[in-house]
Amino acid sequence: MALAQRIPSRAGLPRDQVSEIQRSRLLAGALAAVREEGYAGVMVAHITARAQVSRRTFYELFENREACLAALVDEILALIEAQLRQADLKGLGWRERVRGGLWVILSFLDREPTLARMLVVEALRGGEQLQARREQTFERLAGIVDEGRESGGSRAGDCSPLTAEGLVGAAFGIVYLRVAREGRDTREGRGRRESGERRGASEPLSGLLGELMGMIVLPYQGPATARSERTRTQPPTPVLGVVPAPSVLGLADRDPLRALPMRITYRTARVLACIERDPGVSNREVADHAGIKDQGQISKLLARLEHLGLTRNTGEGARTKGEPNAWQLTPLGEQVAQRLQINPLYQGHTA
C-alpha cells in the first residue's frame, strides 16, 4: 500500500499533501533537535517531540534517524543549489563562475548559521548515508574546480584532478573551522551576554572570498592572478528570490510567528499563501482560494491581517469604500508566509 494511502487525510487535504506536511514537520524537528542536542545526542524521540508527530508516522516516512538526518542535509543542499541557479552563472568564464558560486555559498552560510552548522559540522558525525552525501558534494565541487585545467592558465598543464580534490578539501576545512568556532563562541557567549558583557561580532564567512579564490586559482593561473583575487572588491550580497517550497529550513533562526498576537489557522495560512502567490488579489479571489464562503468573514480576516502589519491594501478600496481591493504582503507578511510553508506545525485547521 502506498504511503499516501496509509496516512489519513485531515481537514480535507489530499493524503499525499498530509504526508508532505508530516515530513516537513519531522525535518524541522530534526533541525531543532540537532541544534539543541548535538548530532550524537539526537534520538527519534527528540525529533518526534519537537515535530509533534507520532513515532509511528516517523517510521512510515523514514527508515531510521540516519535517513531523516540525511534528508535534512538534502534539503539544505537543495536550498543552496536553487540559489546558485538563481545567480545564473552559466556562460561565465571558469574563474568568474567559481568566484560567483563561492560567493553565493558563503553568503548563504552567513545568512543561515543553523543550516551552516548542520551541513558543515554536524553532518560529519553521521553514518554512511551522510558520508555518501558529503562525498557526492565534494566530487561535484572538485569537478567544477578541475575545469581550471582547461582555463588557459600559465600553470594549468601541471595540474591533475587531484589538485582540485585537494583545493576543495582545503577550502572546506577552512570553512569548517570557522563554523565550528562560531558555534563554540555562541554557546560560551550566552553567559557573557546574560551578565551584560559584550562580545565582538565574528567575521562573516563571505570575508573569506578573496583568500579562498586566491588559493583556488593559484595552481592554475599563477601568483599574479591569485594576488588579484585576494585584493578584488567583494561583490554585492546576492539578492535572490524566495526559494520555492518544499523547504522546511529557511528562516531557521528566526520565527516571526512567535511574536504574532493571534493563532495562525489553516485558513489564515491559505489566505497568506494566496496573496504571496498572486499579489494584488481581491477579497473574492482570496476567499475562493481559502475556501471561505462568507464575504464578511474574509473581510474581517483581511482587516485583521492588515492591522497586524502582515498585508497592505494597494487597491482603490483602501481609499474609497465599495471599490476593489488589491492585497499584497508586507515584508513581515512574506516572512510569516514563508515560515508557514517551512513549518506546517503552525498551521491550525479551524477557522
Protein backbone atom coordinates (compact mmCIF):
# COMPACT_ATOMS: atom_id res chain seq x y z
CA MET A 1 0.00 0.00 0.00
CA ALA A 2 1.37 3.42 -0.93
CA LEU A 3 2.49 5.71 1.88
CA ALA A 4 -0.06 8.38 0.98
CA GLN A 5 -2.84 5.81 1.38
CA ARG A 6 -1.68 4.82 4.85
CA ILE A 7 -1.85 8.37 6.23
CA PRO A 8 -5.38 9.60 6.98
CA SER A 9 -6.48 12.88 5.49
CA ARG A 10 -7.06 15.89 7.76
CA ALA A 11 -9.24 18.91 7.08
CA GLY A 12 -9.98 17.63 3.59
CA LEU A 13 -6.34 17.74 2.49
CA PRO A 14 -5.20 15.11 -0.02
CA ARG A 15 -3.35 12.27 1.64
CA ASP A 16 -0.13 12.94 -0.25
CA GLN A 17 -0.22 16.55 0.99
CA VAL A 18 -0.70 15.33 4.57
CA SER A 19 2.33 13.09 4.06
CA GLU A 20 4.40 16.05 2.90
CA ILE A 21 3.26 18.14 5.87
CA GLN A 22 4.28 15.39 8.29
CA ARG A 23 7.63 15.01 6.56
CA SER A 24 8.22 18.77 6.75
CA ARG A 25 7.41 18.78 10.45
CA LEU A 26 9.85 15.96 11.09
CA LEU A 27 12.68 17.65 9.18
CA ALA A 28 12.09 20.90 11.05
CA GLY A 29 12.03 18.91 14.27
CA ALA A 30 15.28 17.18 13.32
CA LEU A 31 16.96 20.52 12.69
CA ALA A 32 15.83 21.84 16.08
CA ALA A 33 16.91 18.62 17.79
CA VAL A 34 20.40 18.71 16.30
CA ARG A 35 20.76 22.38 17.22
CA GLU A 36 19.79 21.68 20.84
CA GLU A 37 21.18 18.18 21.46
CA GLY A 38 24.06 17.91 19.01
CA TYR A 39 24.17 15.19 16.37
CA ALA A 40 25.35 12.42 18.65
CA GLY A 41 22.64 13.15 21.21
CA VAL A 42 19.66 13.20 18.86
CA MET A 43 17.20 10.33 19.10
CA VAL A 44 13.97 9.70 17.22
CA ALA A 45 12.06 10.73 20.34
CA HIS A 46 13.70 14.17 20.25
CA ILE A 47 12.65 14.65 16.64
CA THR A 48 9.06 13.49 17.05
CA ALA A 49 8.55 15.55 20.21
CA ARG A 50 9.65 18.76 18.52
CA ALA A 51 7.66 17.96 15.38
CA GLN A 52 4.56 16.87 17.34
CA VAL A 53 4.35 13.84 15.07
CA SER A 54 3.90 10.27 16.26
CA ARG A 55 6.71 7.74 16.30
CA ARG A 56 4.62 5.53 14.03
CA THR A 57 4.37 8.31 11.43
CA PHE A 58 8.13 8.87 11.67
CA TYR A 59 8.82 5.27 10.69
CA GLU A 60 6.27 5.43 7.89
CA LEU A 61 8.30 8.26 6.37
CA PHE A 62 11.88 7.44 7.36
CA GLU A 63 13.66 4.14 7.88
CA ASN A 64 15.57 5.44 10.90
CA ARG A 65 17.15 8.54 12.45
CA GLU A 66 20.02 8.50 9.98
CA ALA A 67 17.66 8.55 6.99
CA CYS A 68 15.82 11.54 8.45
CA LEU A 69 19.02 13.50 9.03
CA ALA A 70 20.27 12.59 5.55
CA ALA A 71 17.02 14.00 4.14
CA LEU A 72 17.64 17.15 6.18
CA VAL A 73 21.07 17.56 4.59
CA ASP A 74 19.49 17.01 1.16
CA GLU A 75 17.07 19.88 1.88
CA ILE A 76 19.93 22.22 2.77
CA LEU A 77 21.86 21.27 -0.35
CA ALA A 78 18.72 21.81 -2.43
CA LEU A 79 18.38 25.32 -1.00
CA ILE A 80 21.96 26.15 -1.99
CA GLU A 81 21.55 24.65 -5.45
CA ALA A 82 18.38 26.70 -6.00
CA GLN A 83 20.20 29.89 -5.09
CA LEU A 84 23.09 29.00 -7.38
CA ARG A 85 20.59 28.56 -10.22
CA GLN A 86 19.07 31.95 -9.44
CA ALA A 87 22.54 33.51 -9.57
CA ASP A 88 22.67 32.45 -13.27
CA LEU A 89 26.40 31.76 -13.53
CA LYS A 90 26.19 29.87 -16.80
CA GLY A 91 28.13 31.38 -19.65
CA LEU A 92 30.78 32.94 -17.41
CA GLY A 93 34.43 32.00 -17.65
CA TRP A 94 35.79 29.44 -15.23
CA ARG A 95 37.31 31.93 -12.81
CA GLU A 96 34.20 34.14 -12.62
CA ARG A 97 31.92 31.14 -12.33
CA VAL A 98 33.90 29.71 -9.42
CA ARG A 99 34.03 33.10 -7.73
CA GLY A 100 30.32 33.71 -8.18
CA GLY A 101 29.37 30.26 -6.91
CA LEU A 102 31.66 30.53 -3.91
CA TRP A 103 30.17 33.93 -3.05
CA VAL A 104 26.61 32.57 -3.17
CA ILE A 105 27.55 29.61 -0.93
CA LEU A 106 29.42 31.70 1.65
CA SER A 107 26.66 34.30 1.72
CA PHE A 108 24.04 31.59 2.27
CA LEU A 109 26.02 30.11 5.16
CA ASP A 110 26.30 33.58 6.71
CA ARG A 111 22.55 34.15 6.47
CA GLU A 112 21.64 30.73 7.87
CA PRO A 113 24.09 29.82 10.65
CA THR A 114 21.94 26.95 11.94
CA LEU A 115 21.88 25.37 8.49
CA ALA A 116 25.59 26.06 8.11
CA ARG A 117 26.38 24.20 11.31
CA MET A 118 24.19 21.25 10.33
CA LEU A 119 25.73 20.98 6.87
CA VAL A 120 29.36 21.77 7.65
CA VAL A 121 29.89 20.47 11.20
CA GLU A 122 27.16 18.12 12.42
CA ALA A 123 26.84 16.12 9.19
CA LEU A 124 30.45 14.97 9.55
CA ARG A 125 29.39 12.97 12.59
CA GLY A 126 26.82 10.97 10.64
CA GLY A 127 26.90 7.45 9.33
CA GLU A 128 27.16 6.01 5.84
CA GLN A 129 24.24 7.92 4.31
CA LEU A 130 25.53 11.32 5.38
CA GLN A 131 29.09 10.44 4.41
CA ALA A 132 27.82 9.45 0.97
CA ARG A 133 26.14 12.88 0.63
CA ARG A 134 29.41 14.54 1.57
CA GLU A 135 31.46 12.54 -0.94
CA GLN A 136 28.98 13.28 -3.74
CA THR A 137 29.06 17.00 -2.96
CA PHE A 138 32.85 17.07 -2.85
CA GLU A 139 33.05 15.24 -6.17
CA ARG A 140 30.74 17.78 -7.83
CA LEU A 141 32.69 20.73 -6.44
CA ALA A 142 36.01 19.17 -7.41
CA GLY A 143 34.69 18.63 -10.94
CA ILE A 144 33.94 22.35 -11.26
CA VAL A 145 37.34 23.37 -9.89
CA ASP A 146 39.08 20.83 -12.14
CA GLU A 147 37.79 22.76 -15.15
CA GLY A 148 40.60 25.18 -14.31
CA ARG A 149 42.93 22.85 -16.24
CA GLU A 150 41.11 24.00 -19.39
CA SER A 151 41.13 27.68 -18.45
CA GLY A 152 44.29 28.52 -20.37
CA GLY A 153 46.22 29.50 -17.27
CA SER A 154 50.01 29.50 -17.24
CA ARG A 155 50.22 26.56 -14.86
CA ALA A 156 47.08 24.64 -15.78
CA GLY A 157 49.01 21.93 -17.61
CA ASP A 158 50.88 20.99 -14.44
CA CYS A 159 47.68 20.22 -12.53
CA SER A 160 45.79 16.96 -12.21
CA PRO A 161 42.31 16.02 -10.91
CA LEU A 162 43.93 15.50 -7.51
CA THR A 163 44.73 19.23 -7.45
CA ALA A 164 41.03 20.07 -7.49
CA GLU A 165 40.24 17.50 -4.81
CA GLY A 166 42.91 18.98 -2.55
CA LEU A 167 41.65 22.53 -3.09
CA VAL A 168 38.06 21.61 -2.28
CA GLY A 169 39.17 19.77 0.83
CA ALA A 170 41.31 22.69 1.97
CA ALA A 171 38.54 25.24 1.39
CA PHE A 172 36.06 23.06 3.27
CA GLY A 173 38.50 22.67 6.16
CA ILE A 174 38.84 26.44 6.50
CA VAL A 175 35.06 26.95 6.46
CA TYR A 176 34.61 24.07 8.92
CA LEU A 177 36.95 25.65 11.46
CA ARG A 178 35.13 28.99 11.23
CA VAL A 179 31.66 27.46 11.62
CA ALA A 180 32.73 25.16 14.46
CA ARG A 181 34.41 28.02 16.29
CA GLU A 182 31.36 30.24 15.84
CA GLY A 183 29.22 27.51 17.40
CA ARG A 184 31.51 27.31 20.42
CA ASP A 185 31.64 31.09 20.77
CA THR A 186 27.86 31.27 20.62
CA ARG A 187 27.43 28.77 23.45
CA GLU A 188 30.18 30.32 25.57
CA GLY A 189 28.89 33.81 24.88
CA ARG A 190 25.43 33.18 26.31
CA GLY A 191 26.64 33.62 29.86
CA ARG A 192 28.55 36.78 28.98
CA ARG A 193 25.54 38.29 27.25
CA GLU A 194 23.31 37.43 30.21
CA SER A 195 25.76 39.23 32.51
CA GLY A 196 25.87 42.25 30.20
CA GLU A 197 29.32 41.57 28.74
CA ARG A 198 29.51 42.33 25.04
CA ARG A 199 31.31 40.13 22.51
CA GLY A 200 32.68 41.39 19.26
CA ALA A 201 30.96 40.29 16.07
CA SER A 202 32.63 37.38 14.33
CA GLU A 203 33.99 37.76 10.83
CA PRO A 204 31.47 36.63 8.21
CA LEU A 205 32.34 33.64 6.07
CA SER A 206 31.89 35.80 2.99
CA GLY A 207 35.01 37.65 4.14
CA LEU A 208 36.98 34.57 3.10
CA LEU A 209 36.11 35.02 -0.57
CA GLY A 210 39.33 36.69 -1.66
CA GLU A 211 41.68 34.34 0.17
CA LEU A 212 39.84 31.21 -0.92
CA MET A 213 39.74 32.37 -4.53
CA GLY A 214 43.44 33.18 -4.41
CA MET A 215 44.12 29.68 -3.13
CA ILE A 216 41.96 28.08 -5.83
CA VAL A 217 43.32 29.94 -8.87
CA LEU A 218 47.00 29.82 -7.84
CA PRO A 219 47.78 26.30 -9.17
CA TYR A 220 46.01 27.01 -12.49
CA GLN A 221 46.69 30.66 -13.27
CA GLY A 222 49.71 31.61 -11.20
CA PRO A 223 50.62 34.04 -8.39
CA ALA A 224 49.70 37.24 -10.21
CA THR A 225 46.11 36.12 -10.72
CA ALA A 226 45.99 34.83 -7.13
CA ARG A 227 47.09 38.23 -5.80
CA SER A 228 44.46 39.90 -7.94
CA GLU A 229 41.73 37.68 -6.50
CA ARG A 230 42.81 38.35 -2.94
CA THR A 231 42.51 42.11 -3.40
CA ARG A 232 39.33 42.25 -5.50
CA THR A 233 36.35 44.12 -4.12
CA GLN A 234 33.65 41.83 -2.83
CA PRO A 235 30.51 41.69 -4.97
CA PRO A 236 27.22 42.91 -3.50
CA THR A 237 25.34 40.45 -1.31
CA PRO A 238 23.19 38.23 -3.53
CA VAL A 239 19.62 39.44 -3.83
CA LEU A 240 17.79 36.22 -4.55
CA GLY A 241 14.13 35.38 -4.65
CA VAL A 242 12.49 33.16 -2.08
CA VAL A 243 13.45 29.57 -2.70
CA PRO A 244 10.35 27.69 -3.79
CA ALA A 245 8.72 25.15 -1.49
CA PRO A 246 9.14 22.49 -0.41
CA SER A 247 11.71 23.70 2.09
CA VAL A 248 11.37 23.32 5.82
CA LEU A 249 14.55 25.18 6.51
CA GLY A 250 14.54 28.83 5.53
CA LEU A 251 14.35 31.31 8.43
CA ALA A 252 15.75 28.55 10.62
CA ASP A 253 16.98 31.01 13.25
CA ARG A 254 14.03 33.40 13.14
CA ASP A 255 10.42 32.70 13.97
CA PRO A 256 8.18 35.70 13.22
CA LEU A 257 5.13 33.64 14.22
CA ARG A 258 6.03 33.69 17.89
CA ALA A 259 5.50 37.44 18.14
CA LEU A 260 2.07 37.49 16.48
CA PRO A 261 -0.84 38.12 18.88
CA MET A 262 -3.10 35.69 17.03
CA ARG A 263 -3.45 32.00 16.34
CA ILE A 264 -2.48 31.11 12.79
CA THR A 265 -5.17 28.80 11.47
CA TYR A 266 -5.19 26.72 8.34
CA ARG A 267 -7.45 29.24 6.60
CA THR A 268 -5.22 32.13 7.63
CA ALA A 269 -2.25 30.28 6.18
CA ARG A 270 -4.18 29.74 2.94
CA VAL A 271 -5.02 33.46 2.76
CA LEU A 272 -1.37 34.46 3.19
CA ALA A 273 -0.24 31.84 0.65
CA CYS A 274 -2.76 33.15 -1.88
CA ILE A 275 -1.59 36.75 -1.50
CA GLU A 276 2.05 35.69 -1.68
CA ARG A 277 1.43 33.76 -4.90
CA ASP A 278 -0.74 36.39 -6.60
CA PRO A 279 -0.02 39.90 -5.28
CA GLY A 280 -2.91 42.26 -5.98
CA VAL A 281 -5.69 39.69 -5.50
CA SER A 282 -9.16 40.84 -4.47
CA ASN A 283 -11.21 39.84 -1.45
CA ARG A 284 -13.27 37.42 -3.51
CA GLU A 285 -10.20 35.76 -5.07
CA VAL A 286 -8.64 35.31 -1.63
CA ALA A 287 -11.89 33.86 -0.28
CA ASP A 288 -12.18 31.39 -3.15
CA HIS A 289 -8.61 30.18 -2.63
CA ALA A 290 -9.04 29.83 1.15
CA GLY A 291 -12.44 28.14 0.90
CA ILE A 292 -14.23 30.91 2.80
CA LYS A 293 -17.78 31.47 1.50
CA ASP A 294 -18.75 34.27 3.89
CA GLN A 295 -17.53 37.57 2.40
CA GLY A 296 -17.94 39.27 5.76
CA GLN A 297 -15.63 36.72 7.34
CA ILE A 298 -12.91 37.21 4.72
CA SER A 299 -13.19 41.00 5.06
CA LYS A 300 -12.69 40.77 8.82
CA LEU A 301 -9.74 38.39 8.45
CA LEU A 302 -8.05 40.59 5.85
CA ALA A 303 -8.59 43.66 8.01
CA ARG A 304 -7.00 41.91 10.97
CA LEU A 305 -4.01 40.80 8.93
CA GLU A 306 -3.60 44.38 7.74
CA HIS A 307 -3.81 45.64 11.34
CA LEU A 308 -1.06 43.18 12.34
CA GLY A 309 1.17 44.55 9.59
CA LEU A 310 1.16 41.36 7.51
CA THR A 311 -0.74 42.70 4.49
CA ARG A 312 -1.48 46.01 2.81
CA ASN A 313 -4.29 47.05 0.52
CA THR A 314 -2.97 48.76 -2.61
CA GLY A 315 -6.33 48.92 -4.39
CA GLU A 316 -8.83 51.74 -4.69
CA GLY A 317 -10.80 50.12 -1.88
CA ALA A 318 -8.16 51.34 0.56
CA ARG A 319 -9.31 54.89 -0.11
CA THR A 320 -12.87 54.58 -1.40
CA LYS A 321 -15.44 52.27 0.13
CA GLY A 322 -17.00 49.93 -2.40
CA GLU A 323 -14.03 49.98 -4.76
CA PRO A 324 -12.00 46.78 -5.36
CA ASN A 325 -9.18 45.84 -3.01
CA ALA A 326 -5.76 44.61 -4.09
CA TRP A 327 -3.83 42.77 -1.37
CA GLN A 328 -0.08 42.39 -1.06
CA LEU A 329 2.15 41.04 1.71
CA THR A 330 4.39 43.31 3.74
CA PRO A 331 7.99 42.19 4.39
CA LEU A 332 6.81 40.75 7.73
CA GLY A 333 3.94 39.03 5.96
CA GLU A 334 6.38 37.49 3.49
CA GLN A 335 8.43 36.10 6.38
CA VAL A 336 5.35 34.66 8.03
CA ALA A 337 4.07 33.14 4.77
CA GLN A 338 7.46 31.54 4.13
CA ARG A 339 7.59 30.24 7.68
CA LEU A 340 4.18 28.64 7.24
CA GLN A 341 5.47 26.81 4.16
CA ILE A 342 8.59 25.84 6.08
CA ASN A 343 6.92 24.52 9.22
CA PRO A 344 3.32 23.40 8.85
CA LEU A 345 3.30 22.80 12.61
CA TYR A 346 1.92 26.32 12.87
CA GLN A 347 -0.98 25.69 10.53
CA GLY A 348 -4.11 25.05 12.52
CA HIS A 349 -7.20 23.53 10.96
CA THR A 350 -10.03 25.60 12.33
CA ALA A 351 -11.43 28.88 11.10
